[in-house]
C-alpha atoms as a PDB file:
ATOM      1  CA  UNK A   1      71.218  33.925  60.850  1.00  0.00           C
ATOM      2  CA  UNK A   2      71.282  34.051  59.010  1.00  0.00           C
ATOM      3  CA  UNK A   3      69.349  37.028  57.706  1.00  0.00           C
ATOM      4  CA  UNK A   4      66.135  36.270  55.830  1.00  0.00           C
ATOM      5  CA  UNK A   5      62.523  36.533  56.986  1.00  0.00           C
ATOM      6  CA  UNK A   6      60.187  34.060  56.064  1.00  0.00           C
ATOM      7  CA  UNK A   7      57.324  36.597  55.229  1.00  0.00           C
ATOM      8  CA  UNK A   8      59.402  37.372  52.073  1.00  0.00           C
ATOM      9  CA  UNK A   9      60.948  34.018  51.608  1.00  0.00           C
ATOM     10  CA  UNK A  10      64.299  34.298  50.209  1.00  0.00           C
ATOM     11  CA  UNK A  11      63.912  37.820  49.132  1.00  0.00           C
ATOM     12  CA  UNK A  12      64.908  39.211  52.417  1.00  0.00           C
ATOM     13  CA  UNK A  13      68.372  39.053  53.563  1.00  0.00           C
ATOM     14  CA  UNK A  14      67.741  40.390  57.343  1.00  0.00           C
ATOM     15  CA  UNK A  15      68.066  36.929  58.773  1.00  0.00           C
ATOM     16  CA  UNK A  16      67.139  36.400  62.089  1.00  0.00           C
ATOM     17  CA  UNK A  17      67.208  34.010  62.352  1.00  0.00           C
ATOM     18  CA  UNK A  18      70.270  32.543  62.560  1.00  0.00           C
ATOM     19  CA  UNK A  19      72.657  34.489  64.060  1.00  0.00           C
ATOM     20  CA  UNK A  20      75.305  36.275  66.313  1.00  0.00           C
ATOM     21  CA  UNK A  21      78.204  34.119  67.667  1.00  0.00           C
ATOM     22  CA  UNK A  22      77.252  33.967  71.493  1.00  0.00           C
ATOM     23  CA  UNK A  23      80.247  32.485  72.902  1.00  0.00           C
ATOM     24  CA  UNK A  24      82.764  34.773  74.410  1.00  0.00           C
ATOM     25  CA  UNK A  25      85.741  35.776  72.451  1.00  0.00           C
ATOM     26  CA  UNK A  26      87.749  35.826  75.665  1.00  0.00           C
ATOM     27  CA  UNK A  27      86.941  32.047  76.271  1.00  0.00           C
ATOM     28  CA  UNK A  28      88.574  31.199  72.933  1.00  0.00           C
ATOM     29  CA  UNK A  29      91.634  33.173  73.619  1.00  0.00           C
ATOM     30  CA  UNK A  30      91.945  31.273  76.756  1.00  0.00           C
ATOM     31  CA  UNK A  31      91.671  27.938  75.012  1.00  0.00           C
ATOM     32  CA  UNK A  32      88.347  26.963  76.369  1.00  0.00           C
ATOM     33  CA  UNK A  33      86.435  24.670  74.266  1.00  0.00           C
ATOM     34  CA  UNK A  34      82.883  25.908  74.315  1.00  0.00           C
ATOM     35  CA  UNK A  35      80.280  25.866  71.743  1.00  0.00           C
ATOM     36  CA  UNK A  36      80.146  28.905  69.586  1.00  0.00           C
ATOM     37  CA  UNK A  37      76.914  28.955  67.416  1.00  0.00           C
ATOM     38  CA  UNK A  38      75.873  31.515  64.709  1.00  0.00           C
ATOM     39  CA  UNK A  39      72.593  31.959  66.654  1.00  0.00           C
ATOM     40  CA  UNK A  40      70.820  33.923  68.054  1.00  0.00           C
ATOM     41  CA  UNK A  41      70.907  37.354  66.610  1.00  0.00           C
ATOM     42  CA  UNK A  42      71.556  38.872  63.114  1.00  0.00           C
ATOM     43  CA  UNK A  43      75.248  38.812  62.284  1.00  0.00           C
ATOM     44  CA  UNK A  44      77.066  35.547  61.911  1.00  0.00           C
ATOM     45  CA  UNK A  45      80.639  34.736  63.428  1.00  0.00           C
ATOM     46  CA  UNK A  46      83.939  34.344  61.801  1.00  0.00           C
ATOM     47  CA  UNK A  47      84.951  31.052  63.320  1.00  0.00           C
ATOM     48  CA  UNK A  48      83.952  27.458  62.236  1.00  0.00           C
ATOM     49  CA  UNK A  49      83.056  24.499  64.200  1.00  0.00           C
ATOM     50  CA  UNK A  50      86.406  22.619  63.901  1.00  0.00           C
ATOM     51  CA  UNK A  51      87.431  19.430  62.229  1.00  0.00           C
ATOM     52  CA  UNK A  52      85.285  16.386  62.908  1.00  0.00           C
ATOM     53  CA  UNK A  53      82.519  18.359  64.539  1.00  0.00           C
ATOM     54  CA  UNK A  54      78.807  18.443  63.536  1.00  0.00           C
ATOM     55  CA  UNK A  55      76.572  21.179  64.831  1.00  0.00           C
ATOM     56  CA  UNK A  56      72.909  21.859  64.508  1.00  0.00           C
ATOM     57  CA  UNK A  57      71.390  25.293  65.522  1.00  0.00           C
ATOM     58  CA  UNK A  58      67.702  25.379  65.397  1.00  0.00           C
ATOM     59  CA  UNK A  59      64.517  27.296  67.174  1.00  0.00           C
ATOM     60  CA  UNK A  60      61.081  28.494  67.087  1.00  0.00           C
ATOM     61  CA  UNK A  61      60.386  32.138  65.807  1.00  0.00           C
ATOM     62  CA  UNK A  62      57.087  34.036  65.879  1.00  0.00           C
ATOM     63  CA  UNK A  63      56.636  37.241  63.741  1.00  0.00           C
ATOM     64  CA  UNK A  64      53.942  39.625  63.692  1.00  0.00           C
ATOM     65  CA  UNK A  65      53.280  42.238  60.943  1.00  0.00           C
ATOM     66  CA  UNK A  66      50.145  44.677  60.385  1.00  0.00           C
ATOM     67  CA  UNK A  67      49.580  47.084  57.484  1.00  0.00           C
ATOM     68  CA  UNK A  68      46.199  48.778  56.536  1.00  0.00           C
ATOM     69  CA  UNK A  69      44.062  46.783  59.133  1.00  0.00           C
ATOM     70  CA  UNK A  70      45.552  43.464  57.744  1.00  0.00           C
ATOM     71  CA  UNK A  71      47.384  41.521  60.467  1.00  0.00           C
ATOM     72  CA  UNK A  72      50.015  38.654  59.550  1.00  0.00           C
ATOM     73  CA  UNK A  73      51.280  36.325  62.113  1.00  0.00           C
ATOM     74  CA  UNK A  74      53.971  33.824  61.239  1.00  0.00           C
ATOM     75  CA  UNK A  75      55.480  30.919  62.879  1.00  0.00           C
ATOM     76  CA  UNK A  76      58.811  29.524  61.634  1.00  0.00           C
ATOM     77  CA  UNK A  77      61.511  26.980  62.346  1.00  0.00           C
ATOM     78  CA  UNK A  78      64.908  28.466  61.485  1.00  0.00           C
ATOM     79  CA  UNK A  79      67.672  25.865  61.057  1.00  0.00           C
ATOM     80  CA  UNK A  80      71.507  25.717  60.418  1.00  0.00           C
ATOM     81  CA  UNK A  81      73.527  22.576  59.930  1.00  0.00           C
ATOM     82  CA  UNK A  82      77.338  22.972  60.260  1.00  0.00           C
ATOM     83  CA  UNK A  83      79.918  20.368  59.644  1.00  0.00           C
ATOM     84  CA  UNK A  84      83.608  21.122  60.143  1.00  0.00           C
ATOM     85  CA  UNK A  85      85.763  20.077  57.378  1.00  0.00           C
ATOM     86  CA  UNK A  86      89.218  21.073  58.723  1.00  0.00           C
ATOM     87  CA  UNK A  87      90.348  24.053  61.005  1.00  0.00           C
ATOM     88  CA  UNK A  88      89.632  26.683  58.314  1.00  0.00           C
ATOM     89  CA  UNK A  89      86.423  25.378  56.555  1.00  0.00           C
ATOM     90  CA  UNK A  90      83.113  24.331  57.196  1.00  0.00           C
ATOM     91  CA  UNK A  91      80.107  23.157  55.271  1.00  0.00           C
ATOM     92  CA  UNK A  92      76.662  24.860  55.945  1.00  0.00           C
ATOM     93  CA  UNK A  93      73.033  23.937  55.162  1.00  0.00           C
ATOM     94  CA  UNK A  94      70.646  26.509  56.301  1.00  0.00           C
ATOM     95  CA  UNK A  95      67.090  27.622  55.905  1.00  0.00           C
ATOM     96  CA  UNK A  96      65.068  30.430  57.503  1.00  0.00           C
ATOM     97  CA  UNK A  97      62.145  28.373  57.825  1.00  0.00           C
ATOM     98  CA  UNK A  98      62.441  24.528  57.907  1.00  0.00           C
ATOM     99  CA  UNK A  99      58.533  24.814  58.287  1.00  0.00           C
ATOM    100  CA  UNK A 100      56.438  27.795  58.184  1.00  0.00           C
ATOM    101  CA  UNK A 101      52.747  28.600  59.395  1.00  0.00           C
ATOM    102  CA  UNK A 102      51.269  31.732  58.259  1.00  0.00           C
ATOM    103  CA  UNK A 103      47.991  33.335  59.465  1.00  0.00           C
ATOM    104  CA  UNK A 104      46.827  36.588  57.566  1.00  0.00           C
ATOM    105  CA  UNK A 105      43.563  38.345  59.169  1.00  0.00           C
ATOM    106  CA  UNK A 106      42.108  40.756  56.439  1.00  0.00           C
ATOM    107  CA  UNK A 107      38.805  42.494  57.665  1.00  0.00           C
ATOM    108  CA  UNK A 108      37.711  42.676  54.056  1.00  0.00           C
ATOM    109  CA  UNK A 109      38.337  38.788  53.040  1.00  0.00           C
ATOM    110  CA  UNK A 110      38.639  37.066  56.473  1.00  0.00           C
ATOM    111  CA  UNK A 111      41.443  34.712  57.623  1.00  0.00           C
ATOM    112  CA  UNK A 112      43.581  32.976  55.403  1.00  0.00           C
ATOM    113  CA  UNK A 113      46.058  30.115  56.525  1.00  0.00           C
ATOM    114  CA  UNK A 114      49.091  28.916  54.641  1.00  0.00           C
ATOM    115  CA  UNK A 115      51.925  26.757  55.440  1.00  0.00           C
ATOM    116  CA  UNK A 116      55.359  25.466  53.702  1.00  0.00           C
ATOM    117  CA  UNK A 117      59.024  25.725  53.770  1.00  0.00           C
ATOM    118  CA  UNK A 118      61.514  28.320  53.056  1.00  0.00           C
ATOM    119  CA  UNK A 119      64.319  27.723  50.383  1.00  0.00           C
ATOM    120  CA  UNK A 120      67.537  25.900  51.494  1.00  0.00           C
ATOM    121  CA  UNK A 121      70.926  27.150  51.062  1.00  0.00           C
ATOM    122  CA  UNK A 122      74.126  25.017  50.600  1.00  0.00           C
ATOM    123  CA  UNK A 123      77.121  27.298  51.678  1.00  0.00           C
ATOM    124  CA  UNK A 124      80.640  27.261  53.216  1.00  0.00           C
ATOM    125  CA  UNK A 125      82.604  29.497  55.761  1.00  0.00           C
ATOM    126  CA  UNK A 126      86.136  30.013  55.462  1.00  0.00           C
ATOM    127  CA  UNK A 127      88.046  31.354  58.537  1.00  0.00           C
ATOM    128  CA  UNK A 128      91.184  33.098  57.327  1.00  0.00           C
ATOM    129  CA  UNK A 129      92.266  35.320  60.235  1.00  0.00           C
ATOM    130  CA  UNK A 130      92.631  34.666  63.917  1.00  0.00           C
ATOM    131  CA  UNK A 131      92.142  37.187  66.731  1.00  0.00           C
ATOM    132  CA  UNK A 132      94.863  39.042  68.377  1.00  0.00           C
ATOM    133  CA  UNK A 133      92.996  41.122  70.820  1.00  0.00           C
ATOM    134  CA  UNK A 134      91.953  44.628  70.098  1.00  0.00           C
ATOM    135  CA  UNK A 135      94.476  45.113  67.565  1.00  0.00           C
ATOM    136  CA  UNK A 136      93.361  42.299  65.076  1.00  0.00           C
ATOM    137  CA  UNK A 137      89.824  40.889  64.774  1.00  0.00           C
ATOM    138  CA  UNK A 138      88.978  37.414  63.835  1.00  0.00           C
ATOM    139  CA  UNK A 139      88.016  37.333  60.114  1.00  0.00           C
ATOM    140  CA  UNK A 140      85.956  34.648  58.070  1.00  0.00           C
ATOM    141  CA  UNK A 141      83.949  34.656  54.489  1.00  0.00           C
ATOM    142  CA  UNK A 142      80.504  33.087  54.447  1.00  0.00           C
ATOM    143  CA  UNK A 143      78.935  32.146  50.880  1.00  0.00           C
ATOM    144  CA  UNK A 144      75.397  30.938  50.535  1.00  0.00           C
ATOM    145  CA  UNK A 145      73.880  29.679  47.499  1.00  0.00           C
ATOM    146  CA  UNK A 146      69.905  29.117  47.231  1.00  0.00           C
ATOM    147  CA  UNK A 147      68.882  26.895  44.573  1.00  0.00           C
ATOM    148  CA  UNK A 148      65.094  27.220  43.351  1.00  0.00           C
ATOM    149  CA  UNK A 149      63.360  25.517  46.235  1.00  0.00           C
ATOM    150  CA  UNK A 150      60.731  25.893  49.125  1.00  0.00           C
ATOM    151  CA  UNK A 151      57.145  24.869  49.136  1.00  0.00           C
ATOM    152  CA  UNK A 152      53.802  26.614  49.020  1.00  0.00           C
ATOM    153  CA  UNK A 153      53.786  30.333  48.809  1.00  0.00           C
ATOM    154  CA  UNK A 154      57.333  30.316  50.166  1.00  0.00           C
ATOM    155  CA  UNK A 155      58.793  28.713  47.014  1.00  0.00           C
ATOM    156  CA  UNK A 156      61.460  30.681  44.745  1.00  0.00           C
ATOM    157  CA  UNK A 157      62.093  30.087  41.122  1.00  0.00           C
ATOM    158  CA  UNK A 158      65.472  31.573  40.711  1.00  0.00           C
ATOM    159  CA  UNK A 159      68.972  30.759  41.802  1.00  0.00           C
ATOM    160  CA  UNK A 160      69.970  33.348  44.561  1.00  0.00           C
ATOM    161  CA  UNK A 161      73.162  33.894  46.686  1.00  0.00           C
ATOM    162  CA  UNK A 162      74.854  36.212  49.209  1.00  0.00           C
ATOM    163  CA  UNK A 163      78.525  36.659  50.503  1.00  0.00           C
ATOM    164  CA  UNK A 164      79.375  38.180  53.626  1.00  0.00           C
ATOM    165  CA  UNK A 165      82.578  39.073  55.280  1.00  0.00           C
ATOM    166  CA  UNK A 166      82.207  38.358  59.131  1.00  0.00           C
ATOM    167  CA  UNK A 167      84.607  39.426  61.921  1.00  0.00           C
ATOM    168  CA  UNK A 168      84.909  38.956  65.740  1.00  0.00           C
ATOM    169  CA  UNK A 169      86.589  41.939  67.432  1.00  0.00           C
ATOM    170  CA  UNK A 170      87.370  41.786  71.209  1.00  0.00           C
ATOM    171  CA  UNK A 171      87.060  45.774  72.001  1.00  0.00           C
ATOM    172  CA  UNK A 172      87.423  45.285  75.851  1.00  0.00           C
ATOM    173  CA  UNK A 173      87.503  42.787  78.638  1.00  0.00           C
ATOM    174  CA  UNK A 174      84.195  40.899  78.375  1.00  0.00           C
ATOM    175  CA  UNK A 175      83.022  43.089  75.411  1.00  0.00           C
ATOM    176  CA  UNK A 176      83.181  42.174  71.850  1.00  0.00           C
ATOM    177  CA  UNK A 177      82.017  43.411  68.461  1.00  0.00           C
ATOM    178  CA  UNK A 178      80.746  41.238  65.633  1.00  0.00           C
ATOM    179  CA  UNK A 179      80.300  43.126  62.233  1.00  0.00           C
ATOM    180  CA  UNK A 180      79.074  41.664  59.005  1.00  0.00           C
ATOM    181  CA  UNK A 181      79.143  43.338  55.517  1.00  0.00           C
ATOM    182  CA  UNK A 182      78.042  41.765  52.132  1.00  0.00           C
ATOM    183  CA  UNK A 183      76.275  41.650  48.878  1.00  0.00           C
ATOM    184  CA  UNK A 184      73.424  39.468  47.649  1.00  0.00           C
ATOM    185  CA  UNK A 185      71.103  38.499  44.673  1.00  0.00           C
ATOM    186  CA  UNK A 186      67.753  37.662  46.091  1.00  0.00           C
ATOM    187  CA  UNK A 187      64.354  37.049  44.598  1.00  0.00           C
ATOM    188  CA  UNK A 188      61.161  39.369  45.010  1.00  0.00           C
ATOM    189  CA  UNK A 189      58.100  39.011  43.107  1.00  0.00           C
ATOM    190  CA  UNK A 190      59.450  36.422  40.644  1.00  0.00           C
ATOM    191  CA  UNK A 191      62.431  38.528  39.818  1.00  0.00           C
ATOM    192  CA  UNK A 192      66.013  38.813  41.168  1.00  0.00           C
ATOM    193  CA  UNK A 193      67.625  41.972  42.543  1.00  0.00           C
ATOM    194  CA  UNK A 194      71.003  42.949  43.911  1.00  0.00           C
ATOM    195  CA  UNK A 195      71.272  44.096  47.554  1.00  0.00           C
ATOM    196  CA  UNK A 196      73.885  45.447  50.084  1.00  0.00           C
ATOM    197  CA  UNK A 197      73.638  43.753  53.639  1.00  0.00           C
ATOM    198  CA  UNK A 198      75.208  45.029  56.914  1.00  0.00           C
ATOM    199  CA  UNK A 199      74.756  43.672  60.263  1.00  0.00           C
ATOM    200  CA  UNK A 200      76.593  44.211  63.705  1.00  0.00           C
ATOM    201  CA  UNK A 201      76.212  42.768  67.355  1.00  0.00           C
ATOM    202  CA  UNK A 202      77.590  43.995  70.441  1.00  0.00           C
ATOM    203  CA  UNK A 203      78.084  41.167  73.133  1.00  0.00           C
ATOM    204  CA  UNK A 204      78.638  41.348  76.682  1.00  0.00           C
ATOM    205  CA  UNK A 205      80.026  38.196  78.351  1.00  0.00           C
ATOM    206  CA  UNK A 206      79.831  38.469  82.214  1.00  0.00           C
ATOM    207  CA  UNK A 207      80.985  34.798  82.320  1.00  0.00           C
ATOM    208  CA  UNK A 208      82.348  32.291  79.973  1.00  0.00           C
ATOM    209  CA  UNK A 209      78.868  30.639  79.765  1.00  0.00           C
ATOM    210  CA  UNK A 210      76.528  33.762  79.698  1.00  0.00           C
ATOM    211  CA  UNK A 211      76.297  36.208  76.863  1.00  0.00           C
ATOM    212  CA  UNK A 212      73.941  39.244  76.420  1.00  0.00           C
ATOM    213  CA  UNK A 213      73.623  40.992  73.161  1.00  0.00           C
ATOM    214  CA  UNK A 214      72.048  43.702  71.135  1.00  0.00           C
ATOM    215  CA  UNK A 215      72.439  43.886  67.345  1.00  0.00           C
ATOM    216  CA  UNK A 216      70.856  45.504  64.297  1.00  0.00           C
ATOM    217  CA  UNK A 217      70.832  44.362  60.552  1.00  0.00           C
ATOM    218  CA  UNK A 218      70.454  46.522  57.400  1.00  0.00           C
ATOM    219  CA  UNK A 219      69.342  45.381  53.931  1.00  0.00           C
ATOM    220  CA  UNK A 220      69.265  47.853  50.862  1.00  0.00           C
ATOM    221  CA  UNK A 221      67.006  47.531  48.986  1.00  0.00           C
ATOM    222  CA  UNK A 222      64.678  45.138  50.907  1.00  0.00           C
ATOM    223  CA  UNK A 223      62.681  44.219  47.760  1.00  0.00           C
ATOM    224  CA  UNK A 224      63.397  45.021  44.112  1.00  0.00           C
ATOM    225  CA  UNK A 225      62.602  48.629  43.791  1.00  0.00           C
ATOM    226  CA  UNK A 226      61.950  48.731  47.497  1.00  0.00           C
ATOM    227  CA  UNK A 227      63.247  50.804  50.430  1.00  0.00           C
ATOM    228  CA  UNK A 228      66.010  50.079  52.988  1.00  0.00           C
ATOM    229  CA  UNK A 229      65.016  47.857  55.756  1.00  0.00           C
ATOM    230  CA  UNK A 230      66.380  47.987  59.168  1.00  0.00           C
ATOM    231  CA  UNK A 231      65.925  45.674  62.103  1.00  0.00           C
ATOM    232  CA  UNK A 232      67.269  45.328  65.797  1.00  0.00           C
ATOM    233  CA  UNK A 233      66.842  42.784  68.470  1.00  0.00           C
ATOM    234  CA  UNK A 234      68.171  41.923  71.916  1.00  0.00           C
ATOM    235  CA  UNK A 235      68.635  38.717  73.830  1.00  0.00           C
ATOM    236  CA  UNK A 236      70.797  36.337  75.972  1.00  0.00           C
ATOM    237  CA  UNK A 237      72.530  32.993  75.483  1.00  0.00           C
ATOM    238  CA  UNK A 238      73.459  30.347  78.268  1.00  0.00           C
ATOM    239  CA  UNK A 239      75.865  27.433  77.698  1.00  0.00           C
ATOM    240  CA  UNK A 240      75.305  24.036  79.387  1.00  0.00           C
ATOM    241  CA  UNK A 241      78.238  21.945  79.981  1.00  0.00           C
ATOM    242  CA  UNK A 242      80.384  22.756  76.794  1.00  0.00           C
ATOM    243  CA  UNK A 243      78.345  21.566  73.833  1.00  0.00           C
ATOM    244  CA  UNK A 244      74.953  23.002  74.478  1.00  0.00           C
ATOM    245  CA  UNK A 245      73.527  26.269  73.995  1.00  0.00           C
ATOM    246  CA  UNK A 246      70.035  27.770  74.954  1.00  0.00           C
ATOM    247  CA  UNK A 247      69.006  31.149  73.748  1.00  0.00           C
ATOM    248  CA  UNK A 248      66.327  33.722  73.782  1.00  0.00           C
ATOM    249  CA  UNK A 249      65.473  36.952  71.882  1.00  0.00           C
ATOM    250  CA  UNK A 250      63.076  39.665  70.677  1.00  0.00           C
ATOM    251  CA  UNK A 251      63.282  42.460  68.118  1.00  0.00           C
ATOM    252  CA  UNK A 252      61.392  44.450  65.874  1.00  0.00           C
ATOM    253  CA  UNK A 253      61.804  46.351  62.589  1.00  0.00           C
ATOM    254  CA  UNK A 254      62.806  49.885  62.642  1.00  0.00           C
ATOM    255  CA  UNK A 255      62.500  50.902  58.842  1.00  0.00           C
ATOM    256  CA  UNK A 256      61.063  49.180  55.698  1.00  0.00           C
ATOM    257  CA  UNK A 257      57.777  47.296  55.014  1.00  0.00           C
ATOM    258  CA  UNK A 258      59.083  43.708  55.162  1.00  0.00           C
ATOM    259  CA  UNK A 259      60.650  43.276  58.797  1.00  0.00           C
ATOM    260  CA  UNK A 260      58.220  42.097  61.514  1.00  0.00           C
ATOM    261  CA  UNK A 261      56.788  44.241  64.352  1.00  0.00           C
ATOM    262  CA  UNK A 262      57.698  42.531  66.669  1.00  0.00           C
ATOM    263  CA  UNK A 263      59.339  39.245  66.701  1.00  0.00           C
ATOM    264  CA  UNK A 264      60.202  36.776  69.509  1.00  0.00           C
ATOM    265  CA  UNK A 265      62.551  33.552  69.353  1.00  0.00           C
ATOM    266  CA  UNK A 266      63.908  30.717  71.256  1.00  0.00           C
ATOM    267  CA  UNK A 267      66.495  28.153  70.377  1.00  0.00           C
ATOM    268  CA  UNK A 268      69.005  25.483  71.127  1.00  0.00           C
ATOM    269  CA  UNK A 269      72.390  24.694  69.447  1.00  0.00           C
ATOM    270  CA  UNK A 270      74.182  21.361  69.928  1.00  0.00           C
ATOM    271  CA  UNK A 271      77.639  20.401  68.975  1.00  0.00           C
ATOM    272  CA  UNK A 272      78.472  16.636  68.193  1.00  0.00           C
END
């Protein structure tokens, strides 16, 4: 996920944090009951966790930025909680940074340290179409609403939200594509603005428990009156048993001033 970077709090919708479905689409078609998290990666999946299931997806992410001789190093804990309501709906609580440590080194003013937490969203995912191979992707809709929240320099003062259409498309044996498209209202510099969102993930599953992926995310504009930001990453995930997934990824910004250059992440997802 999620799609927001801590460096700009809720203003950015390129969430890493939280996000490409990593379980093979082929295993779902075969009826295998493996965990299917929305992390790692950028795009979220279309499927829900299922009735009676609770799932936590969390990790550690380190981001680096540099501009005009000023370097910024951020450590954050992206976290997503998912509760299955029935076979089509799930409730979601999400934050890009459950806690954030930020260190800025400016040659002119020295080192500045800050910490706090990113805003928290309450959301839902609705799965409305099952997959039928290459002829028909799985489809779902994800809505997140952020009340004014967060602490320290990452606190927001306006209600914000985003809405995305998510798809899982089996394009070939062991290969799947996971596109997202959406719209958002975010906060930047104390003011709200509208943005368009796009992300897509290409997954390769050599086995039901191992996934390799590459993906990209786009937000336009990245801040109020800003440019378009583009980020990409690559990584892998491995499933232990049926209910635990471990993941690792690395990526960097390709356009815009807000994405990190680079970032590294590692995480764990657990289904109960």
